[in-house]
Protein backbone atom coordinates (compact mmCIF):
# COMPACT_ATOMS: atom_id res chain seq x y z
CA UNK A 1 0.00 -0.06 -0.03
CA UNK A 2 2.85 2.37 0.83
CA UNK A 3 4.35 1.97 -2.72
CA UNK A 4 0.88 2.74 -4.40
CA UNK A 5 0.31 5.73 -2.22
CA UNK A 6 3.86 7.11 -3.27
CA UNK A 7 3.11 6.31 -6.87
CA UNK A 8 0.10 8.70 -6.65
CA UNK A 9 2.36 11.44 -5.70
CA UNK A 10 4.81 10.97 -8.63
CA UNK A 11 5.35 13.84 -10.93
CA UNK A 12 5.90 13.35 -14.51
CA UNK A 13 8.56 15.85 -15.78
CA UNK A 14 9.83 16.01 -19.35
CA UNK A 15 13.36 16.31 -20.57
CA UNK A 16 12.64 16.54 -24.27
CA UNK A 17 9.62 17.46 -26.36
CA UNK A 18 8.80 16.32 -29.85
CA UNK A 19 7.26 18.49 -32.56
CA UNK A 20 3.42 19.26 -32.90
CA UNK A 21 1.79 16.49 -34.59
CA UNK A 22 -1.78 16.97 -36.09
CA UNK A 23 -4.42 14.68 -34.87
CA UNK A 24 -8.01 14.30 -36.14
CA UNK A 25 -9.96 17.48 -36.25
CA UNK A 26 -12.70 18.18 -33.69
CA UNK A 27 -16.03 18.87 -35.42
CA UNK A 28 -19.50 19.59 -33.83
CA UNK A 29 -22.14 21.82 -35.40
CA UNK A 30 -22.45 23.59 -32.11
CA UNK A 31 -18.85 24.18 -31.50
CA UNK A 32 -17.57 27.34 -33.47
CA UNK A 33 -14.51 27.85 -31.54
CA UNK A 34 -12.49 25.75 -29.09
CA UNK A 35 -11.66 28.55 -26.46
CA UNK A 36 -10.65 26.38 -23.57
CA UNK A 37 -9.18 22.82 -23.15
CA UNK A 38 -8.84 20.34 -20.24
CA UNK A 39 -8.14 16.68 -19.94
CA UNK A 40 -10.82 14.60 -18.33
CA UNK A 41 -10.09 13.10 -14.87
CA UNK A 42 -12.87 10.34 -15.14
CA UNK A 43 -12.81 9.24 -18.80
CA UNK A 44 -9.57 7.72 -20.15
CA UNK A 45 -8.11 9.68 -22.98
CA UNK A 46 -11.05 12.20 -23.26
CA UNK A 47 -10.84 15.92 -23.23
CA UNK A 48 -13.31 18.89 -22.56
CA UNK A 49 -13.69 22.14 -24.51
CA UNK A 50 -16.28 24.91 -24.84
CA UNK A 51 -17.26 27.78 -27.12
CA UNK A 52 -16.67 31.45 -26.04
CA UNK A 53 -20.22 32.53 -26.17
CA UNK A 54 -23.67 31.41 -26.54
CA UNK A 55 -25.19 28.44 -24.75
CA UNK A 56 -23.73 27.17 -21.43
CA UNK A 57 -22.47 23.79 -22.52
CA UNK A 58 -19.30 21.86 -22.77
CA UNK A 59 -18.14 19.22 -25.27
CA UNK A 60 -16.23 16.08 -24.29
CA UNK A 61 -14.31 14.58 -27.12
CA UNK A 62 -11.97 11.80 -27.90
CA UNK A 63 -9.20 11.82 -30.48
CA UNK A 64 -11.25 9.13 -32.45
CA UNK A 65 -13.64 11.74 -33.37
CA UNK A 66 -16.30 10.92 -30.68
CA UNK A 67 -18.01 14.12 -29.37
CA UNK A 68 -20.73 14.47 -26.77
CA UNK A 69 -22.50 17.82 -25.74
CA UNK A 70 -23.22 18.52 -22.07
CA UNK A 71 -25.37 21.28 -20.74
CA UNK A 72 -24.31 23.21 -17.77
CA UNK A 73 -27.82 24.53 -16.69
CA UNK A 74 -26.77 26.59 -13.62
CA UNK A 75 -24.18 28.65 -15.57
CA UNK A 76 -24.29 31.50 -17.90
CA UNK A 77 -21.84 31.95 -20.74
CA UNK A 78 -21.21 35.67 -21.38
CA UNK A 79 -17.53 35.10 -22.45
CA UNK A 80 -16.04 31.69 -21.53
CA UNK A 81 -12.40 31.92 -22.17
CA UNK A 82 -10.60 29.04 -20.45
CA UNK A 83 -11.28 25.74 -18.77
CA UNK A 84 -9.30 23.69 -16.11
CA UNK A 85 -9.91 20.11 -14.57
CA UNK A 86 -9.00 19.60 -11.07
CA UNK A 87 -10.41 17.99 -7.91
CA UNK A 88 -13.65 19.45 -6.50
CA UNK A 89 -13.40 21.57 -3.47
CA UNK A 90 -15.61 19.03 -1.69
CA UNK A 91 -14.16 15.84 -3.30
CA UNK A 92 -14.58 14.13 -6.60
CA UNK A 93 -13.59 15.62 -10.06
CA UNK A 94 -14.54 18.95 -11.24
CA UNK A 95 -14.29 21.26 -14.35
CA UNK A 96 -13.60 24.97 -13.81
CA UNK A 97 -14.96 27.26 -16.28
CA UNK A 98 -13.70 30.65 -16.45
CA UNK A 99 -16.24 33.41 -17.73
CA UNK A 100 -13.41 35.95 -17.70
CA UNK A 101 -13.22 37.55 -21.12
CA UNK A 102 -13.55 41.17 -21.99
CA UNK A 103 -16.71 40.96 -24.17
CA UNK A 104 -19.38 41.19 -21.50
CA UNK A 105 -22.32 43.35 -20.96
CA UNK A 106 -21.86 43.58 -17.07
CA UNK A 107 -18.81 44.05 -15.03
CA UNK A 108 -17.10 41.33 -12.85
CA UNK A 109 -15.83 37.81 -13.72
CA UNK A 110 -17.31 34.38 -12.82
CA UNK A 111 -15.72 30.93 -12.33
CA UNK A 112 -18.25 28.18 -12.46
CA UNK A 113 -17.25 24.90 -10.74
CA UNK A 114 -19.19 21.81 -12.07
CA UNK A 115 -18.91 18.16 -11.15
CA UNK A 116 -17.47 16.27 -14.22
CA UNK A 117 -20.03 13.88 -15.35
CA UNK A 118 -19.21 10.13 -15.99
CA UNK A 119 -21.84 9.56 -18.49
CA UNK A 120 -23.93 11.67 -20.91
CA UNK A 121 -25.74 13.80 -18.51
CA UNK A 122 -25.50 17.40 -17.61
CA UNK A 123 -22.81 19.29 -15.44
CA UNK A 124 -23.86 19.86 -11.88
CA UNK A 125 -22.82 23.27 -10.34
CA UNK A 126 -20.75 22.81 -7.18
CA UNK A 127 -19.65 26.35 -6.72
CA UNK A 128 -19.78 29.74 -8.28
CA UNK A 129 -16.93 32.30 -7.77
CA UNK A 130 -17.96 35.95 -8.30
CA UNK A 131 -14.81 37.97 -8.75
CA UNK A 132 -13.86 41.79 -9.60
CA UNK A 133 -10.88 43.43 -10.95
CA UNK A 134 -8.93 45.66 -8.65
CA UNK A 135 -9.35 49.20 -10.48
CA UNK A 136 -9.93 49.19 -14.12
CA UNK A 137 -11.21 45.96 -15.82
CA UNK A 138 -8.61 43.67 -17.78
CA UNK A 139 -8.91 41.41 -20.66
CA UNK A 140 -8.07 37.86 -19.73
CA UNK A 141 -8.12 34.39 -21.45
CA UNK A 142 -6.38 32.32 -18.95
CA UNK A 143 -7.62 30.42 -15.89
CA UNK A 144 -5.20 28.20 -13.86
CA UNK A 145 -6.04 25.83 -11.06
CA UNK A 146 -3.48 23.93 -9.32
CA UNK A 147 -4.76 20.33 -9.04
CA UNK A 148 -2.54 19.70 -5.80
CA UNK A 149 -3.85 22.65 -3.71
CA UNK A 150 -6.86 24.27 -5.69
CA UNK A 151 -5.04 27.53 -5.53
CA UNK A 152 -6.13 29.50 -8.70
CA UNK A 153 -4.96 32.38 -10.87
CA UNK A 154 -6.27 34.52 -13.74
CA UNK A 155 -3.72 35.79 -16.38
CA UNK A 156 -4.42 38.80 -18.41
CA UNK A 157 -4.32 39.20 -22.15
CA UNK A 158 -3.34 43.01 -22.42
CA UNK A 159 -0.34 44.64 -23.67
CA UNK A 160 1.25 44.06 -20.20
CA UNK A 161 0.71 40.43 -19.04
CA UNK A 162 -0.26 40.35 -15.37
CA UNK A 163 -1.17 37.68 -12.94
CA UNK A 164 -3.93 37.75 -10.30
CA UNK A 165 -4.51 35.29 -7.76
CA UNK A 166 -8.17 34.25 -6.84
CA UNK A 167 -8.59 34.77 -3.14
CA UNK A 168 -9.23 31.65 -1.00
CA UNK A 169 -12.66 32.91 0.41
CA UNK A 170 -14.40 32.19 -2.76
CA UNK A 171 -18.23 32.13 -3.35
CA UNK A 172 -21.16 34.10 -4.55
CA UNK A 173 -20.20 37.33 -2.86
CA UNK A 174 -17.90 39.27 -5.12
CA UNK A 175 -14.19 39.14 -4.12
CA UNK A 176 -11.47 41.25 -5.48
CA UNK A 177 -8.65 39.58 -7.42
CA UNK A 178 -5.15 39.84 -5.77
CA UNK A 179 -2.39 41.23 -7.95
CA UNK A 180 0.66 38.98 -7.98
CA UNK A 181 3.10 39.79 -10.84
CA UNK A 182 3.76 41.26 -14.06
CA UNK A 183 5.34 38.55 -16.57
CA UNK A 184 8.48 38.83 -18.63
CA UNK A 185 6.40 37.76 -21.53
CA UNK A 186 5.99 40.01 -24.69
CA UNK A 187 3.10 38.14 -26.15
CA UNK A 188 -0.73 38.03 -25.65
CA UNK A 189 -1.49 34.88 -23.49
CA UNK A 190 -4.47 32.96 -24.53
CA UNK A 191 -4.43 29.75 -22.31
CA UNK A 192 -2.67 27.89 -19.97
CA UNK A 193 -2.81 24.66 -17.73
CA UNK A 194 -1.07 22.92 -14.78
CA UNK A 195 0.70 19.57 -15.09
CA UNK A 196 -1.52 17.02 -13.50
CA UNK A 197 0.82 16.83 -10.44
CA UNK A 198 0.98 20.73 -9.97
CA UNK A 199 4.73 20.74 -10.27
CA UNK A 200 4.81 22.95 -13.47
CA UNK A 201 2.52 24.88 -15.73
CA UNK A 202 2.46 26.06 -19.25
CA UNK A 203 1.19 29.19 -20.90
CA UNK A 204 0.52 29.74 -24.60
CA UNK A 205 0.42 32.57 -26.98
CA UNK A 206 -0.57 32.56 -30.65
CA UNK A 207 3.04 31.51 -31.42
CA UNK A 208 4.88 30.14 -28.26
CA UNK A 209 4.47 27.76 -25.46
CA UNK A 210 5.99 28.76 -22.29
CA UNK A 211 6.73 26.65 -19.11
CA UNK A 212 7.19 27.60 -15.53
CA UNK A 213 8.49 25.18 -12.90
CA UNK A 214 6.30 25.49 -9.57
CA UNK A 215 7.71 25.28 -5.97
CA UNK A 216 4.67 23.99 -3.80
CA UNK A 217 6.23 25.85 -0.86
CA UNK A 218 6.29 29.19 -2.81
CA UNK A 219 3.14 29.04 -5.18
CA UNK A 220 3.76 32.50 -6.58
CA UNK A 221 7.61 32.73 -6.81
CA UNK A 222 7.83 31.38 -10.43
CA UNK A 223 6.02 34.22 -11.63
CA UNK A 224 8.88 36.44 -10.97
CA UNK A 225 11.20 34.47 -13.24
CA UNK A 226 11.68 34.06 -16.97
CA UNK A 227 9.78 31.05 -18.38
CA UNK A 228 11.39 28.46 -20.51
CA UNK A 229 10.08 28.89 -24.30
CA UNK A 230 9.26 25.04 -24.98
CA UNK A 231 8.49 25.39 -28.73
CA UNK A 232 6.84 27.57 -31.35
CA UNK A 233 3.33 27.07 -32.71
CA UNK A 234 2.58 27.74 -36.41
CA UNK A 235 -1.21 28.14 -36.21
CA UNK A 236 -3.27 30.74 -34.44
CA UNK A 237 -5.16 29.17 -31.61
CA UNK A 238 -6.44 29.62 -28.10
CA UNK A 239 -6.24 26.51 -25.94
CA UNK A 240 -3.73 24.26 -24.41
CA UNK A 241 -4.05 21.25 -22.03
CA UNK A 242 -1.69 18.80 -20.21
CA UNK A 243 -2.91 15.09 -20.88
CA UNK A 244 -2.60 12.88 -17.74
CA UNK A 245 0.17 10.82 -19.42
CA UNK A 246 2.44 13.93 -19.67
CA UNK A 247 1.83 15.05 -23.30
CA UNK A 248 0.36 18.46 -24.46
CA UNK A 249 -2.52 19.11 -26.58
CA UNK A 250 -3.40 22.27 -28.26
CA UNK A 251 -6.52 23.34 -30.44
CA UNK A 252 -6.23 26.07 -33.09
CA UNK A 253 -8.91 28.43 -34.40
CA UNK A 254 -11.52 27.36 -37.08
CA UNK A 255 -14.10 24.81 -37.58
CA UNK A 256 -13.61 21.99 -37.78
CA UNK A 257 -11.00 22.59 -34.99
CA UNK A 258 -7.36 21.54 -35.64
CA UNK A 259 -5.93 19.44 -32.73
CA UNK A 260 -2.33 19.00 -32.17
CA UNK A 261 -0.24 16.82 -29.77
CA UNK A 262 3.29 17.64 -28.51
CA UNK A 263 4.51 14.49 -27.22
CA UNK A 264 7.03 14.09 -24.22
CA UNK A 265 9.74 11.96 -25.87
CA UNK A 266 12.03 11.76 -22.85
CA UNK A 267 10.12 11.61 -19.51
CA UNK A 268 12.37 12.40 -16.68
CA UNK A 269 12.44 10.65 -13.48
CA UNK A 270 9.50 11.11 -11.13
CA UNK A 271 9.53 13.38 -8.13
CA UNK A 272 7.35 12.71 -5.14
CA UNK A 273 4.83 15.15 -3.53
CA UNK A 274 5.41 15.66 0.23
CA UNK A 275 1.55 15.28 0.55
CA UNK A 276 0.29 12.75 -1.98
CA UNK A 277 -3.36 12.89 -0.62
CA UNK A 278 -3.64 16.44 -1.83
CA UNK A 279 -2.06 15.82 -5.20
CA UNK A 280 -4.35 16.12 -8.17
CA UNK A 281 -3.73 12.46 -9.28
CA UNK A 282 -4.91 11.16 -5.90
CA UNK A 283 -8.40 11.62 -6.88
CA UNK A 284 -8.45 9.40 -9.86
CA UNK A 285 -5.64 7.06 -9.18
CA UNK A 286 -6.25 4.69 -12.19
CA UNK A 287 -5.05 7.70 -14.52
CA UNK A 288 -2.54 9.14 -12.33
CA UNK A 289 0.61 10.69 -14.03
CA UNK A 290 2.84 8.33 -12.00
CA UNK A 291 1.04 5.17 -13.16
CA UNK A 292 1.13 6.41 -16.82
CA UNK A 293 4.82 7.22 -16.51
CA UNK A 294 5.56 3.63 -15.29
CA UNK A 295 3.40 2.26 -18.11
CA UNK A 296 5.26 4.14 -20.58
CA UNK A 297 8.69 3.19 -19.32
CA UNK A 298 8.02 -0.49 -19.40
């Protein structure tokens, strides 16, 4: 049992990345633009995406072309811009939808936290976070949720890239975002995602994917460093997500939606979390990054 618990806390680092390879396009008549992207925590190999306006609904898809639509009846879609998958605040597995874009008819931002469905049913609202900018409103397209700690941030898409922490006392009463840092990035950031173990995160622009290594003991320290530019992108797009086996997926603009994979060709040795019970992989051990790493190394 001790070996299994340790494996749940293993982190899948990557020493070398391959080129972007094109996969099967994502196509659904009700999906005009893949604005956010997140790996499913309950369905092997599946991913989630959404449109940036219109109906409050998400699309679960597999790389074989299967797509199912799931209503989110307790949410509203003013300008959904990004998506994250992580444990629910009260246990289980959730999708975090960032209604954070600039195109809105009313001030403020909302993050909807919904339980990820295992079948074909709707998404059930768990929490609703109402947020406001300090001072003037910003444009933002990136929501980040650390799957180990459930700390969360919003990254702006303005001429100056800024990071704001979502306060810990979240809920329906509006809370002011907390300014954290101004990034050393000269491009507009359109999406981001945490590695499934919480030990790193990526941000993407139209042309570049950047990576930050994250120290769990200092969760905001990396923002004051220069990120690693992992690789260049050749198509304009908005979304990026870390698969549970350590690869990265990107979606580009257009319908049908182009989907690309950046494979980790040289996984590093796994590191172990100090508190495996809080790691994102602990909620769904059968798809944990550590077990995927072990399977790939055999």
